[in-house]
């Protein structure tokens, strides 16, 4: 016997009760998987005979409860890890739970352990500087309006920014950004202070997430924004925001963070993906790390490569740091790069990278796919590769055939009349249709990529960052999510909310 059987939504369909996955776990009735030691015929109705107990004498139900039910006794987790038959996946979950720091919340065996957010919802921060980093990327420095130090972020985390919506028929305001507050429950879209009532209806607020690129521990924050040609959020931040303006900002979030270790570290980025790994490089430089450090950066040309001089200074402060710069379309005047084209397995092999290195990758989806494959081909274990993708994460929909990908969109039919629901990564805000059973089903109706399995608050695959607002659970989660998160499969909004989806 290798592990309990993880209950999913299918058992609810089979028994015509969607609560069944949660009920089976709560009542200690999981199934189990067997490893075949000697092949032979098996038929429905055959008797199952237990011939021996495992060395730790933990039952299937006890093992299942360790992962899914509240309370995770350390002694029991250690006993479970001494069971030689336990599957590698369950071993990894139990090790993650044992390694979970005291400051983290949630279930590290089911989701990435993170610290609780430093504040709830959005708060105003003042813009102190706007600095060009390349022809397409601008950095914005933020500080507390009263001058107090901001809570420290972990290297690699991001901020979510909510900007004033443009008014239909008018350009977005060029002066100080309006601090947008949560609208009353039931109102779609925030009110804009001072808006001309004759100018037409306001669009919903623009909510976008941007990686922190400055040194963790500084009194203020720095985000770096790539100006997308038709991006409402990036266009506003890149061209309209000025020092002295106020922006609504949610607390630092994200599990793509630099992990303490002594092993070599590879910081690999494409384009604006340099932002979170630059924060990691700042952290390594601040602690005078003696780790072997490689900075890999891919860009189109030198003009579009951000942070070039800053990176040179940081690498010079580290005793064992090297860089490899790759430009796909360099100009004749470009200097200071190592290769033309794309990062490849051949390039990695030529540098003699250590197989026990930890790699942190950020960039466009195609870049991550190609570089991940190249690193694995070079000899790095996939378990040592940590990736961050800008935009919505890939979905997980077990047993459902993949449909053609569509950009997120409002649901079909009449708009809802409930509070606003913003999907930050997908760049979509819609009014809540009060007849929707759950936030998960609204996301599916909008083609927002989602992850799920049980749909009843057991597996935590659907656990998502709740950047602002509150939810009500239609089914009580078997084990509560981390502070600042929500299980969208069994929850509905109490008022306007922003989700990290």
Protein backbone atom coordinates (compact mmCIF):
# COMPACT_ATOMS: atom_id res chain seq x y z
CA UNK A 1 0.00 0.00 0.00
CA UNK A 2 1.61 3.25 -1.13
CA UNK A 3 -0.75 6.12 -0.32
CA UNK A 4 -4.36 7.11 0.34
CA UNK A 5 -6.54 7.70 -2.67
CA UNK A 6 -7.14 11.41 -3.15
CA UNK A 7 -10.85 12.00 -3.54
CA UNK A 8 -11.88 14.28 -6.40
CA UNK A 9 -15.06 15.72 -7.85
CA UNK A 10 -15.89 12.51 -9.75
CA UNK A 11 -17.06 10.73 -6.60
CA UNK A 12 -19.54 13.56 -6.07
CA UNK A 13 -20.83 13.12 -9.61
CA UNK A 14 -21.09 9.36 -9.20
CA UNK A 15 -23.04 9.61 -5.94
CA UNK A 16 -25.02 12.72 -6.93
CA UNK A 17 -23.71 14.70 -3.96
CA UNK A 18 -21.00 17.32 -4.65
CA UNK A 19 -20.04 17.33 -0.95
CA UNK A 20 -18.86 13.72 -1.10
CA UNK A 21 -15.08 14.36 -1.48
CA UNK A 22 -15.09 16.46 1.70
CA UNK A 23 -17.34 14.03 3.57
CA UNK A 24 -15.08 11.07 2.79
CA UNK A 25 -12.05 12.90 4.17
CA UNK A 26 -13.84 14.31 7.22
CA UNK A 27 -15.24 10.88 8.12
CA UNK A 28 -11.87 9.14 7.61
CA UNK A 29 -13.03 7.07 4.63
CA UNK A 30 -10.31 7.48 1.99
CA UNK A 31 -9.47 4.84 -0.55
CA UNK A 32 -5.92 3.68 -1.18
CA UNK A 33 -3.46 2.70 -3.89
CA UNK A 34 -1.50 -0.55 -4.04
CA UNK A 35 1.89 -1.18 -5.60
CA UNK A 36 2.00 -4.38 -7.67
CA UNK A 37 4.76 -6.61 -6.29
CA UNK A 38 3.85 -9.71 -8.30
CA UNK A 39 1.60 -9.61 -11.34
CA UNK A 40 -1.53 -11.71 -11.52
CA UNK A 41 -5.24 -11.58 -12.38
CA UNK A 42 -7.52 -9.28 -10.34
CA UNK A 43 -11.30 -9.17 -10.65
CA UNK A 44 -14.08 -7.12 -9.10
CA UNK A 45 -15.34 -8.95 -6.04
CA UNK A 46 -12.00 -10.54 -5.13
CA UNK A 47 -11.31 -10.59 -1.41
CA UNK A 48 -8.59 -8.29 -0.06
CA UNK A 49 -6.63 -9.82 2.81
CA UNK A 50 -4.21 -7.85 4.97
CA UNK A 51 -1.14 -10.00 5.54
CA UNK A 52 1.06 -7.60 7.55
CA UNK A 53 1.27 -4.15 9.13
CA UNK A 54 3.75 -1.54 7.95
CA UNK A 55 6.75 -0.68 10.15
CA UNK A 56 5.11 2.45 11.59
CA UNK A 57 1.60 0.97 11.94
CA UNK A 58 -0.07 4.12 10.57
CA UNK A 59 -3.44 3.42 9.00
CA UNK A 60 -4.48 4.75 5.62
CA UNK A 61 -7.05 7.00 7.31
CA UNK A 62 -4.44 8.40 9.71
CA UNK A 63 -2.04 9.09 6.86
CA UNK A 64 -4.77 10.80 4.85
CA UNK A 65 -5.77 12.93 7.84
CA UNK A 66 -2.17 14.09 8.31
CA UNK A 67 -2.30 15.85 4.96
CA UNK A 68 -5.90 16.98 4.63
CA UNK A 69 -7.36 17.55 8.11
CA UNK A 70 -6.44 20.35 10.54
CA UNK A 71 -3.63 19.64 12.97
CA UNK A 72 -0.45 18.09 11.63
CA UNK A 73 1.48 16.59 14.57
CA UNK A 74 5.20 16.66 13.88
CA UNK A 75 5.77 13.25 15.45
CA UNK A 76 3.14 11.72 13.17
CA UNK A 77 4.66 13.36 10.09
CA UNK A 78 8.08 11.98 11.00
CA UNK A 79 6.58 8.52 11.50
CA UNK A 80 4.92 8.68 8.10
CA UNK A 81 8.23 9.55 6.44
CA UNK A 82 9.75 6.40 7.92
CA UNK A 83 7.29 4.25 5.96
CA UNK A 84 9.35 2.84 3.05
CA UNK A 85 6.29 2.17 0.88
CA UNK A 86 4.97 5.77 1.00
CA UNK A 87 4.91 7.29 -2.48
CA UNK A 88 7.40 10.05 -3.40
CA UNK A 89 4.61 12.60 -3.82
CA UNK A 90 3.28 12.12 -0.31
CA UNK A 91 6.81 12.09 1.07
CA UNK A 92 7.43 15.47 -0.56
CA UNK A 93 4.22 16.88 0.95
CA UNK A 94 5.12 15.72 4.45
CA UNK A 95 8.67 17.07 4.15
CA UNK A 96 7.28 20.43 3.08
CA UNK A 97 5.01 20.46 6.14
CA UNK A 98 7.94 19.70 8.44
CA UNK A 99 10.03 22.44 6.83
CA UNK A 100 7.25 25.05 6.97
CA UNK A 101 8.53 28.12 8.86
CA UNK A 102 6.67 29.21 11.96
CA UNK A 103 5.81 32.53 10.29
CA UNK A 104 3.96 30.81 7.42
CA UNK A 105 0.29 29.95 7.37
CA UNK A 106 -1.77 27.45 5.43
CA UNK A 107 -0.96 23.85 4.53
CA UNK A 108 2.52 23.57 3.01
CA UNK A 109 1.79 20.00 1.98
CA UNK A 110 -0.88 21.21 -0.44
CA UNK A 111 0.28 24.70 -1.46
CA UNK A 112 3.42 26.80 -1.23
CA UNK A 113 3.92 28.08 2.30
CA UNK A 114 3.94 31.87 2.46
CA UNK A 115 4.00 34.51 5.14
CA UNK A 116 0.70 36.24 5.83
CA UNK A 117 0.41 39.49 3.82
CA UNK A 118 1.78 42.55 5.61
CA UNK A 119 -1.59 44.31 5.29
CA UNK A 120 -5.05 43.48 4.03
CA UNK A 121 -6.60 45.01 0.95
CA UNK A 122 -5.14 48.10 -0.70
CA UNK A 123 -3.41 51.07 0.91
CA UNK A 124 -2.15 54.32 -0.64
CA UNK A 125 1.58 54.60 -1.32
CA UNK A 126 3.29 57.71 -2.65
CA UNK A 127 5.35 57.70 -5.84
CA UNK A 128 8.80 59.08 -5.03
CA UNK A 129 10.55 58.54 -8.37
CA UNK A 130 9.87 57.41 -11.94
CA UNK A 131 13.02 56.10 -13.66
CA UNK A 132 13.51 54.72 -17.20
CA UNK A 133 15.40 51.41 -17.24
CA UNK A 134 15.30 50.70 -21.00
CA UNK A 135 13.34 51.78 -24.05
CA UNK A 136 10.34 49.76 -22.82
CA UNK A 137 10.70 49.44 -19.02
CA UNK A 138 10.13 52.07 -16.33
CA UNK A 139 10.77 51.75 -12.60
CA UNK A 140 8.47 53.38 -10.05
CA UNK A 141 9.58 53.89 -6.47
CA UNK A 142 6.95 53.88 -3.74
CA UNK A 143 6.96 54.97 -0.11
CA UNK A 144 4.60 55.35 2.82
CA UNK A 145 2.91 58.78 2.59
CA UNK A 146 3.86 59.47 6.23
CA UNK A 147 7.48 58.40 5.78
CA UNK A 148 7.29 55.18 7.82
CA UNK A 149 9.35 52.20 6.56
CA UNK A 150 7.33 49.74 4.52
CA UNK A 151 7.20 46.07 5.58
CA UNK A 152 10.04 44.05 4.10
CA UNK A 153 9.24 41.93 1.06
CA UNK A 154 10.91 38.64 0.20
CA UNK A 155 13.19 38.73 -2.85
CA UNK A 156 11.11 37.67 -5.85
CA UNK A 157 7.69 38.82 -4.63
CA UNK A 158 5.32 41.19 -6.43
CA UNK A 159 2.95 44.07 -5.70
CA UNK A 160 -0.57 44.48 -7.03
CA UNK A 161 -1.46 48.02 -8.07
CA UNK A 162 -4.95 49.40 -8.58
CA UNK A 163 -5.08 52.55 -10.68
CA UNK A 164 -7.86 55.01 -11.37
CA UNK A 165 -10.02 53.93 -14.29
CA UNK A 166 -10.23 56.02 -17.40
CA UNK A 167 -13.60 57.62 -18.01
CA UNK A 168 -15.36 56.58 -21.19
CA UNK A 169 -14.89 59.37 -23.72
CA UNK A 170 -12.05 61.01 -21.76
CA UNK A 171 -8.33 60.30 -21.47
CA UNK A 172 -7.05 59.01 -18.15
CA UNK A 173 -6.15 61.91 -15.87
CA UNK A 174 -2.63 63.21 -16.34
CA UNK A 175 -2.33 64.67 -12.84
CA UNK A 176 -2.03 62.87 -9.52
CA UNK A 177 -3.44 59.37 -9.56
CA UNK A 178 -6.74 59.02 -7.79
CA UNK A 179 -6.72 56.74 -4.77
CA UNK A 180 -9.54 54.33 -5.53
CA UNK A 181 -11.46 52.94 -2.58
CA UNK A 182 -13.62 49.83 -2.45
CA UNK A 183 -17.15 50.63 -3.64
CA UNK A 184 -20.17 49.76 -1.54
CA UNK A 185 -21.37 46.19 -1.79
CA UNK A 186 -23.41 45.69 -4.92
CA UNK A 187 -21.85 48.60 -6.82
CA UNK A 188 -19.93 47.62 -9.93
CA UNK A 189 -16.75 49.61 -10.31
CA UNK A 190 -15.19 52.11 -7.94
CA UNK A 191 -16.20 55.71 -7.86
CA UNK A 192 -13.63 58.20 -9.12
CA UNK A 193 -13.16 61.21 -6.88
CA UNK A 194 -13.93 64.41 -8.69
CA UNK A 195 -15.17 62.71 -11.85
CA UNK A 196 -17.31 64.80 -14.16
CA UNK A 197 -20.78 63.21 -13.92
CA UNK A 198 -21.49 64.27 -17.51
CA UNK A 199 -18.44 62.45 -18.86
CA UNK A 200 -20.13 59.08 -19.10
CA UNK A 201 -19.79 55.85 -17.15
CA UNK A 202 -16.51 54.92 -15.51
CA UNK A 203 -14.69 51.75 -16.38
CA UNK A 204 -13.76 49.37 -13.59
CA UNK A 205 -10.45 50.04 -11.88
CA UNK A 206 -7.37 48.61 -13.56
CA UNK A 207 -5.69 46.00 -11.34
CA UNK A 208 -2.26 44.68 -12.32
CA UNK A 209 0.64 42.93 -10.58
CA UNK A 210 4.30 43.92 -10.97
CA UNK A 211 7.41 42.29 -9.52
CA UNK A 212 9.50 44.13 -6.97
CA UNK A 213 12.94 44.86 -8.40
CA UNK A 214 14.65 46.75 -5.58
CA UNK A 215 16.66 45.61 -2.60
CA UNK A 216 14.54 43.75 -0.04
CA UNK A 217 14.64 45.55 3.29
CA UNK A 218 14.77 49.08 1.88
CA UNK A 219 12.38 51.59 3.44
CA UNK A 220 10.42 51.79 0.18
CA UNK A 221 9.51 49.57 -2.76
CA UNK A 222 10.48 49.62 -6.42
CA UNK A 223 8.44 48.02 -9.17
CA UNK A 224 9.49 47.90 -12.81
CA UNK A 225 6.84 48.04 -15.53
CA UNK A 226 7.07 47.11 -19.19
CA UNK A 227 4.95 49.43 -21.33
CA UNK A 228 2.80 47.14 -23.44
CA UNK A 229 1.48 48.81 -26.63
CA UNK A 230 -2.18 48.44 -25.65
CA UNK A 231 -1.81 47.88 -21.92
CA UNK A 232 -4.14 50.07 -19.84
CA UNK A 233 -2.28 49.45 -16.61
CA UNK A 234 1.28 49.63 -17.93
CA UNK A 235 0.43 52.56 -20.18
CA UNK A 236 -0.97 54.57 -17.29
CA UNK A 237 1.95 53.80 -14.98
CA UNK A 238 4.57 54.41 -17.66
CA UNK A 239 3.23 57.67 -19.06
CA UNK A 240 0.86 59.31 -16.57
CA UNK A 241 2.23 58.70 -13.09
CA UNK A 242 4.50 61.36 -11.58
CA UNK A 243 6.41 61.75 -8.29
CA UNK A 244 4.00 62.81 -5.57
CA UNK A 245 1.09 60.78 -6.94
CA UNK A 246 -0.69 58.22 -4.77
CA UNK A 247 -1.33 54.67 -5.93
CA UNK A 248 -3.45 51.99 -4.29
CA UNK A 249 -1.19 49.01 -3.57
CA UNK A 250 -1.76 45.56 -2.06
CA UNK A 251 0.88 43.93 0.14
CA UNK A 252 3.82 41.97 -1.32
CA UNK A 253 2.82 38.47 -2.35
CA UNK A 254 4.18 35.43 -4.11
CA UNK A 255 5.98 32.15 -3.44
CA UNK A 256 8.64 32.66 -6.14
CA UNK A 257 11.25 33.69 -3.60
CA UNK A 258 14.95 33.09 -3.09
CA UNK A 259 15.42 30.12 -0.76
CA UNK A 260 18.28 30.02 1.76
CA UNK A 261 20.95 27.55 0.63
CA UNK A 262 24.67 27.14 0.07
CA UNK A 263 24.36 25.62 -3.40
CA UNK A 264 25.16 27.52 -6.62
CA UNK A 265 22.35 29.76 -7.83
CA UNK A 266 21.35 30.60 -11.39
CA UNK A 267 19.28 33.77 -11.94
CA UNK A 268 17.82 33.52 -15.44
CA UNK A 269 15.52 36.01 -17.12
CA UNK A 270 14.08 37.10 -20.42
CA UNK A 271 13.00 40.71 -20.99
CA UNK A 272 11.12 42.27 -18.09
CA UNK A 273 11.42 38.90 -16.31
CA UNK A 274 14.66 40.34 -14.92
CA UNK A 275 12.69 42.22 -12.25
CA UNK A 276 12.15 39.50 -9.60
CA UNK A 277 15.55 37.87 -10.08
CA UNK A 278 17.17 41.31 -9.79
CA UNK A 279 15.63 41.57 -6.32
CA UNK A 280 17.23 38.20 -5.56
CA UNK A 281 20.60 39.47 -6.79
CA UNK A 282 20.19 42.51 -4.52
CA UNK A 283 19.51 40.19 -1.57
CA UNK A 284 22.59 38.08 -2.32
CA UNK A 285 24.76 41.19 -2.63
CA UNK A 286 23.40 42.66 0.60
CA UNK A 287 24.41 39.55 2.54
CA UNK A 288 27.79 39.30 0.74
CA UNK A 289 26.91 35.79 -0.34
CA UNK A 290 29.79 33.43 -1.12
CA UNK A 291 27.58 31.18 -3.23
CA UNK A 292 28.51 30.60 -6.85
CA UNK A 293 26.13 32.95 -8.68
CA UNK A 294 25.32 33.11 -12.38
CA UNK A 295 23.33 35.97 -13.88
CA UNK A 296 21.78 34.97 -17.22
CA UNK A 297 19.86 37.66 -19.07
CA UNK A 298 18.21 37.48 -22.48
CA UNK A 299 16.96 40.55 -24.32
CA UNK A 300 16.31 41.67 -27.87
CA UNK A 301 19.12 44.24 -27.94
CA UNK A 302 21.10 46.45 -25.58
CA UNK A 303 18.52 49.27 -25.67
CA UNK A 304 15.82 46.87 -24.45
CA UNK A 305 18.00 45.24 -21.80
CA UNK A 306 17.08 46.72 -18.39
CA UNK A 307 19.30 47.22 -15.33
CA UNK A 308 22.60 46.69 -17.19
CA UNK A 309 24.78 49.02 -15.10
CA UNK A 310 23.00 48.10 -11.86
CA UNK A 311 23.71 44.41 -12.46
CA UNK A 312 27.39 45.09 -13.16
CA UNK A 313 27.73 46.89 -9.80
CA UNK A 314 25.97 44.13 -7.89
CA UNK A 315 28.01 41.35 -9.49
CA UNK A 316 31.23 43.22 -8.70
CA UNK A 317 30.33 43.12 -5.00
CA UNK A 318 30.03 39.31 -5.00
CA UNK A 319 33.16 37.14 -4.85
CA UNK A 320 31.86 34.24 -6.96
CA UNK A 321 29.48 35.87 -9.42
CA UNK A 322 29.54 35.70 -13.22
CA UNK A 323 27.19 36.77 -15.97
CA UNK A 324 26.12 35.61 -19.42
CA UNK A 325 24.20 38.08 -21.57
CA UNK A 326 22.39 36.90 -24.69
CA UNK A 327 20.87 39.28 -27.28
CA UNK A 328 18.54 37.85 -29.91
CA UNK A 329 18.73 40.83 -32.32
CA UNK A 330 21.74 42.99 -31.41
CA UNK A 331 22.46 46.18 -33.31
CA UNK A 332 25.93 46.86 -34.76
CA UNK A 333 26.56 49.34 -31.95
CA UNK A 334 25.70 46.93 -29.11
CA UNK A 335 28.50 45.91 -26.76
CA UNK A 336 28.86 43.98 -23.51
CA UNK A 337 27.06 40.77 -24.42
CA UNK A 338 28.28 37.17 -24.67
CA UNK A 339 26.15 35.49 -27.32
CA UNK A 340 23.67 36.12 -30.10
CA UNK A 341 20.44 34.15 -30.32
CA UNK A 342 18.75 32.39 -27.44
CA UNK A 343 19.85 30.69 -24.24
CA UNK A 344 20.39 27.01 -25.05
CA UNK A 345 21.61 23.73 -23.60
CA UNK A 346 24.84 24.14 -25.59
CA UNK A 347 25.47 27.51 -23.96
CA UNK A 348 24.78 26.12 -20.48
CA UNK A 349 27.03 23.09 -21.07
CA UNK A 350 29.88 25.29 -22.26
CA UNK A 351 29.88 27.09 -18.91
CA UNK A 352 30.21 23.95 -16.80
CA UNK A 353 27.21 24.63 -14.59
CA UNK A 354 26.91 22.56 -11.42
CA UNK A 355 24.17 19.93 -11.47
CA UNK A 356 23.23 20.82 -7.88
CA UNK A 357 22.54 24.47 -8.70
CA UNK A 358 19.19 26.07 -7.87
CA UNK A 359 17.78 27.95 -10.86
CA UNK A 360 15.26 30.80 -10.72
CA UNK A 361 13.64 31.59 -14.06
CA UNK A 362 11.30 34.38 -15.07
CA UNK A 363 10.13 35.51 -18.48
CA UNK A 364 7.57 34.84 -21.21
CA UNK A 365 5.94 31.40 -21.29
CA UNK A 366 7.83 30.22 -24.40
CA UNK A 367 11.12 31.40 -22.87
CA UNK A 368 10.44 29.43 -19.68
CA UNK A 369 9.55 26.29 -21.64
CA UNK A 370 12.71 26.44 -23.76
CA UNK A 371 15.10 27.32 -20.94
CA UNK A 372 13.62 24.72 -18.58
CA UNK A 373 14.15 22.02 -21.21
CA UNK A 374 17.69 23.25 -21.85
CA UNK A 375 18.60 23.15 -18.15
CA UNK A 376 17.19 19.65 -17.71
CA UNK A 377 19.12 18.53 -20.80
CA UNK A 378 22.23 20.03 -19.22
CA UNK A 379 21.76 17.87 -16.13
CA UNK A 380 19.81 19.96 -13.61
CA UNK A 381 17.02 18.23 -11.74
CA UNK A 382 13.52 19.63 -12.40
CA UNK A 383 13.09 19.84 -8.61
CA UNK A 384 15.76 22.56 -8.56
CA UNK A 385 14.04 24.74 -11.16
CA UNK A 386 11.82 27.53 -9.80
CA UNK A 387 9.78 29.51 -12.31
CA UNK A 388 7.60 32.60 -12.34
CA UNK A 389 5.37 33.47 -15.26
CA UNK A 390 3.81 36.88 -15.79
CA UNK A 391 0.08 36.73 -16.37
CA UNK A 392 -2.30 33.90 -15.60
CA UNK A 393 -0.84 30.56 -14.57
CA UNK A 394 -1.67 27.37 -16.48
CA UNK A 395 -4.93 25.76 -15.45
CA UNK A 396 -5.49 22.30 -13.96
CA UNK A 397 -8.80 20.67 -14.86
CA UNK A 398 -8.55 16.90 -14.24
CA UNK A 399 -10.69 14.75 -16.48
CA UNK A 400 -11.80 17.70 -18.62
CA UNK A 401 -10.59 17.87 -22.21
CA UNK A 402 -8.56 20.99 -22.88
CA UNK A 403 -10.61 23.53 -24.81
CA UNK A 404 -9.08 26.00 -27.27
CA UNK A 405 -7.51 28.83 -25.32
CA UNK A 406 -9.53 32.05 -25.21
CA UNK A 407 -8.54 35.35 -23.62
CA UNK A 408 -10.43 36.00 -20.37
CA UNK A 409 -13.74 37.76 -21.01
CA UNK A 410 -16.96 38.70 -19.21
CA UNK A 411 -19.42 35.82 -18.88
CA UNK A 412 -22.09 35.47 -21.53
CA UNK A 413 -25.59 36.74 -20.86
CA UNK A 414 -26.77 39.69 -18.84
CA UNK A 415 -24.13 41.26 -16.57
CA UNK A 416 -24.49 40.51 -12.89
CA UNK A 417 -25.56 43.13 -10.39
CA UNK A 418 -23.36 42.04 -7.50
CA UNK A 419 -20.04 43.43 -6.26
CA UNK A 420 -17.04 43.65 -8.56
CA UNK A 421 -14.75 40.62 -8.89
CA UNK A 422 -11.29 41.39 -10.28
CA UNK A 423 -8.96 38.71 -11.65
CA UNK A 424 -5.64 40.56 -11.36
CA UNK A 425 -3.39 38.31 -13.47
CA UNK A 426 -6.01 38.02 -16.19
CA UNK A 427 -6.72 41.76 -16.31
CA UNK A 428 -10.47 41.29 -15.98
CA UNK A 429 -13.08 42.84 -13.66
CA UNK A 430 -16.71 41.75 -13.82
CA UNK A 431 -19.81 42.19 -11.64
CA UNK A 432 -20.72 39.15 -9.58
CA UNK A 433 -23.75 37.26 -10.94
CA UNK A 434 -25.65 36.44 -7.78
CA UNK A 435 -26.83 33.09 -9.18
CA UNK A 436 -23.26 31.75 -9.57
CA UNK A 437 -22.56 28.93 -7.08
CA UNK A 438 -18.90 29.85 -6.53
CA UNK A 439 -16.02 32.07 -7.58
CA UNK A 440 -14.53 29.06 -9.35
CA UNK A 441 -17.57 28.75 -11.59
CA UNK A 442 -17.48 32.47 -12.37
CA UNK A 443 -13.80 32.18 -13.32
CA UNK A 444 -14.61 29.22 -15.57
CA UNK A 445 -17.42 31.19 -17.22
CA UNK A 446 -14.87 33.94 -17.95
CA UNK A 447 -12.19 31.53 -19.25
CA UNK A 448 -9.85 32.63 -16.47
CA UNK A 449 -7.31 29.79 -16.04
CA UNK A 450 -8.03 27.96 -12.78
CA UNK A 451 -6.78 24.90 -10.93
CA UNK A 452 -9.04 22.46 -9.13
CA UNK A 453 -9.67 18.81 -8.34
CA UNK A 454 -12.15 18.21 -5.50
CA UNK A 455 -14.34 21.35 -5.85
CA UNK A 456 -15.32 21.00 -2.17
CA UNK A 457 -12.48 22.61 -0.19
CA UNK A 458 -10.29 19.53 0.33
CA UNK A 459 -7.39 19.50 -2.14
CA UNK A 460 -6.47 23.23 -2.08
CA UNK A 461 -5.60 23.17 -5.79
CA UNK A 462 -7.92 26.14 -6.22
CA UNK A 463 -6.35 28.15 -3.38
CA UNK A 464 -5.76 31.67 -4.69
CA UNK A 465 -4.48 34.92 -3.30
CA UNK A 466 -7.28 37.13 -1.96
CA UNK A 467 -5.69 40.52 -2.55
CA UNK A 468 -8.66 42.54 -1.35
CA UNK A 469 -12.10 41.88 0.12
CA UNK A 470 -13.72 38.97 1.93
CA UNK A 471 -15.50 35.77 0.96
CA UNK A 472 -18.17 33.54 2.47
CA UNK A 473 -17.80 29.77 2.26
CA UNK A 474 -20.76 27.78 1.04
CA UNK A 475 -18.99 24.65 2.31
CA UNK A 476 -16.61 24.93 5.23
CA UNK A 477 -13.07 24.06 4.05
CA UNK A 478 -11.73 20.84 5.54
CA UNK A 479 -8.50 22.71 6.40
CA UNK A 480 -8.51 26.53 6.12
CA UNK A 481 -6.39 28.25 3.47
CA UNK A 482 -3.38 30.40 4.26
CA UNK A 483 -3.99 33.88 5.62
CA UNK A 484 -4.80 36.19 2.73
CA UNK A 485 -5.92 33.34 0.46
CA UNK A 486 -9.28 31.84 -0.47
CA UNK A 487 -10.55 28.49 -1.71
CA UNK A 488 -12.53 29.67 -4.71
CA UNK A 489 -14.25 26.31 -5.33
CA UNK A 490 -16.58 26.79 -2.37
CA UNK A 491 -16.72 30.54 -1.75
CA UNK A 492 -18.64 33.62 -2.86
CA UNK A 493 -17.70 37.30 -2.48
CA UNK A 494 -18.98 39.31 0.48
CA UNK A 495 -18.27 42.54 -1.39
CA UNK A 496 -15.81 43.79 -4.01
CA UNK A 497 -12.81 41.46 -4.18
CA UNK A 498 -9.54 41.12 -6.07
CA UNK A 499 -8.12 37.65 -6.72
CA UNK A 500 -4.59 36.74 -7.82
CA UNK A 501 -5.86 34.90 -10.90
